[in-house]
Amino acid sequence: HNYRKAYIHDAAQWLAENTADGASLLTNDRYIAYFSNKQLEWTRGKPVQFQFDVDTLARQPDLWRGVDYLAVSVPRRQVEQWQTFVRARGLTEIAVFDGGRMGLVAVVKLSQNS
């Protein structure tokens, strides 16, 4: 059903097929969290992965330190901010799923020693 956009579905499927089964994932999209079949990061008993945006990632690096993958749904108005965040921290997007005016989903593999 059209509850989810194709690009979000594609991102979840890509994660399921192209990352290790035991890999940990921090994401802000429930659909990706559910269908990627990854181990989700939880903080203080709450699924923090649904409650962050680019600002939060920049302000709270502890959220994503030690996590294997970051899959961030970025609204169109925050794309530039996201790209700055990625560049400033020397991160690399390994996959980007473009949803046009809806925004995008970017997948970053984080190094184990970050």
Protein backbone atom coordinates (compact mmCIF):
# COMPACT_ATOMS: atom_id res chain seq x y z
CA HIS A 1 0.00 0.00 0.00
CA ASN A 2 1.19 3.51 -0.62
CA TYR A 3 1.83 4.34 3.05
CA ARG A 4 5.55 4.27 2.28
CA LYS A 5 7.34 5.79 -0.63
CA ALA A 6 9.30 3.55 -2.97
CA TYR A 7 12.66 5.08 -2.07
CA ILE A 8 12.18 4.17 1.61
CA HIS A 9 11.22 0.63 0.68
CA ASP A 10 14.30 0.44 -1.57
CA ALA A 11 16.57 1.64 1.25
CA ALA A 12 15.21 -0.99 3.66
CA GLN A 13 15.61 -3.72 1.07
CA TRP A 14 19.16 -2.59 0.25
CA LEU A 15 20.13 -2.70 3.93
CA ALA A 16 18.64 -6.17 4.34
CA GLU A 17 20.54 -7.49 1.32
CA ASN A 18 23.87 -5.64 1.56
CA THR A 19 24.78 -5.52 5.23
CA ALA A 20 25.71 -8.27 7.68
CA ASP A 21 22.89 -9.94 9.60
CA GLY A 22 24.30 -8.96 12.99
CA ALA A 23 25.01 -5.35 12.01
CA SER A 24 23.64 -2.60 14.22
CA LEU A 25 21.61 0.20 12.71
CA LEU A 26 20.53 3.64 13.82
CA THR A 27 17.63 4.98 11.74
CA ASN A 28 14.89 7.57 12.09
CA ASP A 29 12.41 5.69 9.92
CA ARG A 30 10.18 2.96 11.36
CA TYR A 31 9.73 1.19 8.04
CA ILE A 32 13.50 0.94 7.51
CA ALA A 33 13.95 -0.20 11.12
CA TYR A 34 11.43 -2.99 10.68
CA PHE A 35 12.22 -4.25 7.19
CA SER A 36 16.02 -3.97 7.23
CA ASN A 37 16.24 -6.88 9.71
CA LYS A 38 19.08 -5.21 11.64
CA GLN A 39 19.80 -4.90 15.34
CA LEU A 40 18.40 -1.54 16.36
CA GLU A 41 20.12 0.73 18.81
CA TRP A 42 18.05 1.48 21.91
CA THR A 43 18.76 4.12 24.52
CA ARG A 44 17.25 4.16 28.01
CA GLY A 45 14.56 1.72 26.95
CA LYS A 46 13.21 4.02 24.23
CA PRO A 47 13.68 3.46 20.51
CA VAL A 48 15.66 6.64 20.02
CA GLN A 49 16.08 5.82 16.34
CA PHE A 50 12.74 7.37 15.45
CA GLN A 51 13.35 10.66 17.19
CA PHE A 52 16.32 12.33 15.58
CA ASP A 53 17.16 14.57 12.67
CA VAL A 54 20.40 15.99 11.27
CA ASP A 55 20.63 18.54 14.11
CA THR A 56 20.40 15.80 16.72
CA LEU A 57 23.15 13.76 15.05
CA ALA A 58 25.44 16.79 14.99
CA ARG A 59 24.72 17.71 18.63
CA GLN A 60 24.82 14.17 20.03
CA PRO A 61 27.57 12.12 18.40
CA ASP A 62 27.22 9.53 21.17
CA LEU A 63 23.94 8.49 19.51
CA TRP A 64 25.80 7.01 16.55
CA ARG A 65 29.28 6.21 17.91
CA GLY A 66 29.93 2.49 17.82
CA VAL A 67 26.96 1.78 15.53
CA ASP A 68 27.69 -0.10 12.28
CA TYR A 69 25.27 1.71 9.98
CA LEU A 70 23.35 4.95 9.94
CA ALA A 71 20.26 5.15 7.69
CA VAL A 72 18.83 8.64 7.81
CA SER A 73 15.62 9.82 6.21
CA VAL A 74 16.42 13.43 5.33
CA PRO A 75 13.63 15.83 4.38
CA ARG A 76 14.35 17.90 1.28
CA ARG A 77 14.84 21.08 3.33
CA GLN A 78 17.64 19.42 5.37
CA VAL A 79 19.60 17.82 2.52
CA GLU A 80 22.24 20.55 2.43
CA GLN A 81 22.63 20.38 6.19
CA TRP A 82 23.00 16.57 5.98
CA GLN A 83 25.71 16.86 3.30
CA THR A 84 27.60 19.34 5.48
CA PHE A 85 27.31 16.97 8.47
CA VAL A 86 28.69 14.05 6.42
CA ARG A 87 31.59 16.08 5.00
CA ALA A 88 32.54 17.70 8.32
CA ARG A 89 32.91 14.31 9.98
CA GLY A 90 34.66 12.57 7.09
CA LEU A 91 31.80 10.10 6.66
CA THR A 92 30.92 8.42 3.37
CA GLU A 93 27.47 7.63 2.07
CA ILE A 94 27.52 4.08 0.70
CA ALA A 95 24.01 4.35 -0.73
CA VAL A 96 21.54 7.17 -1.34
CA PHE A 97 17.89 6.66 -2.24
CA ASP A 98 16.34 9.76 -3.75
CA GLY A 99 12.69 10.51 -3.09
CA GLY A 100 12.61 13.69 -5.15
CA ARG A 101 10.73 16.47 -3.37
CA MET A 102 10.13 14.16 -0.38
CA GLY A 103 13.83 14.08 0.43
CA LEU A 104 16.19 11.13 0.54
CA VAL A 105 17.46 8.23 2.59
CA ALA A 106 21.23 8.11 3.03
CA VAL A 107 23.13 5.08 4.33
CA VAL A 108 26.50 5.56 5.99
CA LYS A 109 28.81 2.80 7.15
CA LEU A 110 30.46 4.00 10.33
CA SER A 111 33.97 2.81 11.13
CA GLN A 112 34.26 0.56 14.15
CA ASN A 113 36.78 2.83 15.84
CA SER A 114 34.90 6.13 15.55
